[in-house]
Amino acid sequence: MRKVHPEFAFQSRELAEQIEGILGDPPDRKNYQAMTTALRTEYANGSGIEDLNMMAFALVDVIEIGDPKALLADAEDFEFGDPAHVFAAVSCPDGPAAEMLAAIEENHPDLGRQAIVTAFLHKHPRMWDDDDTSLDQLAEGDDGDDVDDEESGASDDFTQMFDQEGDH
């Protein structure tokens, strides 16, 4: 398992929630397909929303991973990666998907790099691990032995120095 930057882990989870939300319950594949097709068309035309999750959503079902190790290595740094290296590690089928990928590389290389890595992480959750910083995880193994049941240990003389109502 490889650790990824916490922001990539967050974005991957956000993408999963976005996909689940658009699919709905029960899943409406027709609506989902219409959304992804519309996004791909917008990005292929050189426009589209400059949003990481929207871009990852447009890519996730059509992106083909040629070099997963390169994407995992790039996932360690959210801000400063190598767009050319990431785009070289993936492809899309000919047609609108390939046009979309080329337009994203030309018009939004840094955001596209992040979207590709996010889509990759979403598609391959068993290849990476993120640091769980939830309160439950942080408290795991804490048996409370660092809590001092006695008083703070400050003497009366010390605390009276700060007593505003006391005698001066």
C-alpha atoms as a PDB file:
ATOM      1  CA  MET A   1       0.000   0.000   0.000  1.00  0.00           C
ATOM      2  CA  ARG A   2       1.231   3.425  -0.830  1.00  0.00           C
ATOM      3  CA  LYS A   3       0.371   6.579   1.074  1.00  0.00           C
ATOM      4  CA  VAL A   4      -1.173   9.376  -0.950  1.00  0.00           C
ATOM      5  CA  HIS A   5      -1.484  13.064  -0.221  1.00  0.00           C
ATOM      6  CA  PRO A   6      -4.469  13.668   2.109  1.00  0.00           C
ATOM      7  CA  GLU A   7      -6.073  16.037  -0.406  1.00  0.00           C
ATOM      8  CA  PHE A   8      -6.043  13.331  -3.089  1.00  0.00           C
ATOM      9  CA  ALA A   9      -7.632  10.908  -0.628  1.00  0.00           C
ATOM     10  CA  PHE A  10     -10.283  13.506   0.168  1.00  0.00           C
ATOM     11  CA  GLN A  11     -10.957  14.234  -3.517  1.00  0.00           C
ATOM     12  CA  SER A  12     -11.268  10.517  -4.259  1.00  0.00           C
ATOM     13  CA  ARG A  13     -13.879  10.155  -1.521  1.00  0.00           C
ATOM     14  CA  GLU A  14     -15.679  13.263  -2.820  1.00  0.00           C
ATOM     15  CA  LEU A  15     -15.754  11.758  -6.318  1.00  0.00           C
ATOM     16  CA  ALA A  16     -17.305   8.563  -4.960  1.00  0.00           C
ATOM     17  CA  GLU A  17     -20.006  10.597  -3.218  1.00  0.00           C
ATOM     18  CA  GLN A  18     -20.627  12.645  -6.367  1.00  0.00           C
ATOM     19  CA  ILE A  19     -21.033   9.514  -8.482  1.00  0.00           C
ATOM     20  CA  GLU A  20     -23.352   7.976  -5.913  1.00  0.00           C
ATOM     21  CA  GLY A  21     -25.394  11.181  -5.736  1.00  0.00           C
ATOM     22  CA  ILE A  22     -25.819  11.456  -9.494  1.00  0.00           C
ATOM     23  CA  LEU A  23     -26.650   7.789  -9.904  1.00  0.00           C
ATOM     24  CA  GLY A  24     -29.257   8.106  -7.181  1.00  0.00           C
ATOM     25  CA  ASP A  25     -31.223   5.392  -5.442  1.00  0.00           C
ATOM     26  CA  PRO A  26     -32.388   3.450  -7.319  1.00  0.00           C
ATOM     27  CA  PRO A  27     -29.552   4.016  -9.805  1.00  0.00           C
ATOM     28  CA  ASP A  28     -30.576   6.013 -12.875  1.00  0.00           C
ATOM     29  CA  ARG A  29     -27.913   5.019 -15.398  1.00  0.00           C
ATOM     30  CA  LYS A  30     -29.561   7.060 -18.163  1.00  0.00           C
ATOM     31  CA  ASN A  31     -29.226  10.279 -16.136  1.00  0.00           C
ATOM     32  CA  TYR A  32     -25.667   9.352 -15.152  1.00  0.00           C
ATOM     33  CA  GLN A  33     -24.721   8.700 -18.786  1.00  0.00           C
ATOM     34  CA  ALA A  34     -26.286  11.995 -19.893  1.00  0.00           C
ATOM     35  CA  MET A  35     -24.271  13.897 -17.273  1.00  0.00           C
ATOM     36  CA  THR A  36     -20.941  12.296 -18.163  1.00  0.00           C
ATOM     37  CA  THR A  37     -21.551  12.707 -21.907  1.00  0.00           C
ATOM     38  CA  ALA A  38     -22.373  16.398 -21.460  1.00  0.00           C
ATOM     39  CA  LEU A  39     -19.246  16.958 -19.364  1.00  0.00           C
ATOM     40  CA  ARG A  40     -17.011  15.131 -21.825  1.00  0.00           C
ATOM     41  CA  THR A  41     -18.403  17.197 -24.705  1.00  0.00           C
ATOM     42  CA  GLU A  42     -17.753  20.441 -22.824  1.00  0.00           C
ATOM     43  CA  TYR A  43     -14.182  19.478 -21.974  1.00  0.00           C
ATOM     44  CA  ALA A  44     -13.520  18.175 -25.510  1.00  0.00           C
ATOM     45  CA  ASN A  45     -14.604  21.587 -26.854  1.00  0.00           C
ATOM     46  CA  GLY A  46     -11.973  23.269 -24.693  1.00  0.00           C
ATOM     47  CA  SER A  47     -14.446  24.668 -22.201  1.00  0.00           C
ATOM     48  CA  GLY A  48     -16.020  23.016 -19.186  1.00  0.00           C
ATOM     49  CA  ILE A  49     -16.064  23.817 -15.522  1.00  0.00           C
ATOM     50  CA  GLU A  50     -12.646  24.288 -13.958  1.00  0.00           C
ATOM     51  CA  ASP A  51     -13.461  21.977 -11.086  1.00  0.00           C
ATOM     52  CA  LEU A  52     -11.377  19.016 -10.005  1.00  0.00           C
ATOM     53  CA  ASN A  53     -14.283  16.703  -9.198  1.00  0.00           C
ATOM     54  CA  MET A  54     -16.266  17.556 -12.335  1.00  0.00           C
ATOM     55  CA  MET A  55     -13.210  16.853 -14.443  1.00  0.00           C
ATOM     56  CA  ALA A  56     -12.478  13.614 -12.587  1.00  0.00           C
ATOM     57  CA  PHE A  57     -16.153  12.655 -12.993  1.00  0.00           C
ATOM     58  CA  ALA A  58     -15.882  13.177 -16.754  1.00  0.00           C
ATOM     59  CA  LEU A  59     -12.715  11.054 -16.897  1.00  0.00           C
ATOM     60  CA  VAL A  60     -13.389   8.236 -14.431  1.00  0.00           C
ATOM     61  CA  ASP A  61     -15.353   5.889 -16.712  1.00  0.00           C
ATOM     62  CA  VAL A  62     -13.259   6.350 -19.869  1.00  0.00           C
ATOM     63  CA  ILE A  63      -9.697   6.745 -18.655  1.00  0.00           C
ATOM     64  CA  GLU A  64      -7.339   3.850 -19.267  1.00  0.00           C
ATOM     65  CA  ILE A  65      -4.349   3.518 -16.968  1.00  0.00           C
ATOM     66  CA  GLY A  66      -1.133   2.551 -18.703  1.00  0.00           C
ATOM     67  CA  ASP A  67       1.294   3.236 -15.854  1.00  0.00           C
ATOM     68  CA  PRO A  68      -0.297   2.951 -12.390  1.00  0.00           C
ATOM     69  CA  LYS A  69       3.084   3.288 -10.639  1.00  0.00           C
ATOM     70  CA  ALA A  70       3.593   6.725 -12.177  1.00  0.00           C
ATOM     71  CA  LEU A  71       0.177   7.848 -10.961  1.00  0.00           C
ATOM     72  CA  LEU A  72       0.782   6.483  -7.470  1.00  0.00           C
ATOM     73  CA  ALA A  73       4.097   8.320  -7.313  1.00  0.00           C
ATOM     74  CA  ASP A  74       2.413  11.541  -8.428  1.00  0.00           C
ATOM     75  CA  ALA A  75      -0.329  11.090  -5.825  1.00  0.00           C
ATOM     76  CA  GLU A  76       2.163  11.843  -3.054  1.00  0.00           C
ATOM     77  CA  ASP A  77       2.133  15.591  -3.843  1.00  0.00           C
ATOM     78  CA  PHE A  78      -1.130  17.382  -4.534  1.00  0.00           C
ATOM     79  CA  GLU A  79       0.193  20.788  -5.557  1.00  0.00           C
ATOM     80  CA  PHE A  80       3.423  20.107  -7.412  1.00  0.00           C
ATOM     81  CA  GLY A  81       3.313  17.149  -9.732  1.00  0.00           C
ATOM     82  CA  ASP A  82       4.357  16.594 -13.311  1.00  0.00           C
ATOM     83  CA  PRO A  83       1.360  16.969 -15.659  1.00  0.00           C
ATOM     84  CA  ALA A  84       3.280  15.618 -18.673  1.00  0.00           C
ATOM     85  CA  HIS A  85       4.252  12.495 -16.742  1.00  0.00           C
ATOM     86  CA  VAL A  86       0.659  11.926 -15.589  1.00  0.00           C
ATOM     87  CA  PHE A  87      -0.890  12.481 -19.022  1.00  0.00           C
ATOM     88  CA  ALA A  88       1.682  10.079 -20.510  1.00  0.00           C
ATOM     89  CA  ALA A  89       0.540   7.406 -18.047  1.00  0.00           C
ATOM     90  CA  VAL A  90      -3.082   7.396 -19.278  1.00  0.00           C
ATOM     91  CA  SER A  91      -5.158   7.282 -22.425  1.00  0.00           C
ATOM     92  CA  CYS A  92      -8.780   7.308 -23.495  1.00  0.00           C
ATOM     93  CA  PRO A  93     -10.533   5.439 -26.311  1.00  0.00           C
ATOM     94  CA  ASP A  94     -10.546   7.197 -29.690  1.00  0.00           C
ATOM     95  CA  GLY A  95     -13.337   9.641 -30.300  1.00  0.00           C
ATOM     96  CA  PRO A  96     -14.852  12.131 -27.865  1.00  0.00           C
ATOM     97  CA  ALA A  97     -13.043  10.693 -24.838  1.00  0.00           C
ATOM     98  CA  ALA A  98      -9.618  11.039 -26.476  1.00  0.00           C
ATOM     99  CA  GLU A  99     -10.512  14.545 -27.654  1.00  0.00           C
ATOM    100  CA  MET A 100     -11.532  15.444 -24.112  1.00  0.00           C
ATOM    101  CA  LEU A 101      -8.243  14.173 -22.659  1.00  0.00           C
ATOM    102  CA  ALA A 102      -6.212  16.117 -25.249  1.00  0.00           C
ATOM    103  CA  ALA A 103      -8.195  19.306 -24.610  1.00  0.00           C
ATOM    104  CA  ILE A 104      -7.778  18.966 -20.843  1.00  0.00           C
ATOM    105  CA  GLU A 105      -4.031  18.483 -21.256  1.00  0.00           C
ATOM    106  CA  GLU A 106      -3.832  21.581 -23.454  1.00  0.00           C
ATOM    107  CA  ASN A 107      -6.182  23.866 -21.524  1.00  0.00           C
ATOM    108  CA  HIS A 108      -5.935  22.712 -17.893  1.00  0.00           C
ATOM    109  CA  PRO A 109      -2.719  20.673 -17.428  1.00  0.00           C
ATOM    110  CA  ASP A 110      -2.343  21.106 -13.644  1.00  0.00           C
ATOM    111  CA  LEU A 111      -6.021  20.629 -12.824  1.00  0.00           C
ATOM    112  CA  GLY A 112      -6.124  17.768 -15.327  1.00  0.00           C
ATOM    113  CA  ARG A 113      -3.208  16.086 -13.546  1.00  0.00           C
ATOM    114  CA  GLN A 114      -5.088  16.283 -10.271  1.00  0.00           C
ATOM    115  CA  ALA A 115      -8.322  15.029 -11.873  1.00  0.00           C
ATOM    116  CA  ILE A 116      -6.548  12.069 -13.489  1.00  0.00           C
ATOM    117  CA  VAL A 117      -4.889  11.071 -10.216  1.00  0.00           C
ATOM    118  CA  THR A 118      -8.215  11.461  -8.388  1.00  0.00           C
ATOM    119  CA  ALA A 119     -10.035   9.289 -10.955  1.00  0.00           C
ATOM    120  CA  PHE A 120      -7.253   6.704 -10.772  1.00  0.00           C
ATOM    121  CA  LEU A 121      -7.399   6.565  -6.966  1.00  0.00           C
ATOM    122  CA  HIS A 122     -11.181   6.208  -7.100  1.00  0.00           C
ATOM    123  CA  LYS A 123     -10.935   3.322  -9.563  1.00  0.00           C
ATOM    124  CA  HIS A 124      -8.157   1.551  -7.640  1.00  0.00           C
ATOM    125  CA  PRO A 125      -8.803   1.988  -3.904  1.00  0.00           C
ATOM    126  CA  ARG A 126      -6.817  -1.108  -2.932  1.00  0.00           C
ATOM    127  CA  MET A 127      -3.582   0.270  -4.362  1.00  0.00           C
ATOM    128  CA  TRP A 128      -3.283   3.110  -1.861  1.00  0.00           C
ATOM    129  CA  ASP A 129      -3.862   4.092   1.713  1.00  0.00           C
ATOM    130  CA  ASP A 130      -4.476   7.440   3.312  1.00  0.00           C
ATOM    131  CA  ASP A 131      -3.908   8.598   6.845  1.00  0.00           C
ATOM    132  CA  ASP A 132      -7.176   8.372   8.726  1.00  0.00           C
ATOM    133  CA  THR A 133      -7.284  11.527  10.804  1.00  0.00           C
ATOM    134  CA  SER A 134     -10.817  11.116  12.102  1.00  0.00           C
ATOM    135  CA  LEU A 135     -11.289  11.623  15.828  1.00  0.00           C
ATOM    136  CA  ASP A 136     -12.181   7.946  16.266  1.00  0.00           C
ATOM    137  CA  GLN A 137      -8.926   6.892  14.616  1.00  0.00           C
ATOM    138  CA  LEU A 138      -6.862   9.421  16.560  1.00  0.00           C
ATOM    139  CA  ALA A 139      -8.399   8.218  19.836  1.00  0.00           C
ATOM    140  CA  GLU A 140      -7.782   4.545  19.035  1.00  0.00           C
ATOM    141  CA  GLY A 141      -5.378   3.043  21.530  1.00  0.00           C
ATOM    142  CA  ASP A 142      -5.777   5.963  23.926  1.00  0.00           C
ATOM    143  CA  ASP A 143      -6.603   4.454  27.298  1.00  0.00           C
ATOM    144  CA  GLY A 144      -6.860   7.846  28.972  1.00  0.00           C
ATOM    145  CA  ASP A 145      -3.740   7.406  31.096  1.00  0.00           C
ATOM    146  CA  ASP A 146      -2.562  10.911  30.298  1.00  0.00           C
ATOM    147  CA  VAL A 147      -5.497  12.481  32.174  1.00  0.00           C
ATOM    148  CA  ASP A 148      -4.444  13.726  35.604  1.00  0.00           C
ATOM    149  CA  ASP A 149      -7.246  13.136  38.118  1.00  0.00           C
ATOM    150  CA  GLU A 150      -5.592  15.289  40.744  1.00  0.00           C
ATOM    151  CA  GLU A 151      -5.692  19.063  40.847  1.00  0.00           C
ATOM    152  CA  SER A 152      -3.622  21.035  38.423  1.00  0.00           C
ATOM    153  CA  GLY A 153      -0.758  21.214  40.861  1.00  0.00           C
ATOM    154  CA  ALA A 154      -0.666  24.995  40.931  1.00  0.00           C
ATOM    155  CA  SER A 155      -0.133  26.346  44.423  1.00  0.00           C
ATOM    156  CA  ASP A 156      -2.516  28.788  46.058  1.00  0.00           C
ATOM    157  CA  ASP A 157       0.240  31.417  46.088  1.00  0.00           C
ATOM    158  CA  PHE A 158       0.632  31.102  42.334  1.00  0.00           C
ATOM    159  CA  THR A 159      -3.085  31.259  41.536  1.00  0.00           C
ATOM    160  CA  GLN A 160      -3.596  34.257  43.860  1.00  0.00           C
ATOM    161  CA  MET A 161      -1.129  36.283  41.761  1.00  0.00           C
ATOM    162  CA  PHE A 162      -3.774  36.236  39.016  1.00  0.00           C
ATOM    163  CA  ASP A 163      -6.807  36.742  41.250  1.00  0.00           C
ATOM    164  CA  GLN A 164      -8.304  40.082  40.213  1.00  0.00           C
ATOM    165  CA  GLU A 165     -10.705  40.299  43.160  1.00  0.00           C
ATOM    166  CA  GLY A 166      -8.196  39.371  45.843  1.00  0.00           C
ATOM    167  CA  ASP A 167      -6.324  41.702  48.179  1.00  0.00           C
ATOM    168  CA  HIS A 168      -3.388  43.469  46.562  1.00  0.00           C
END
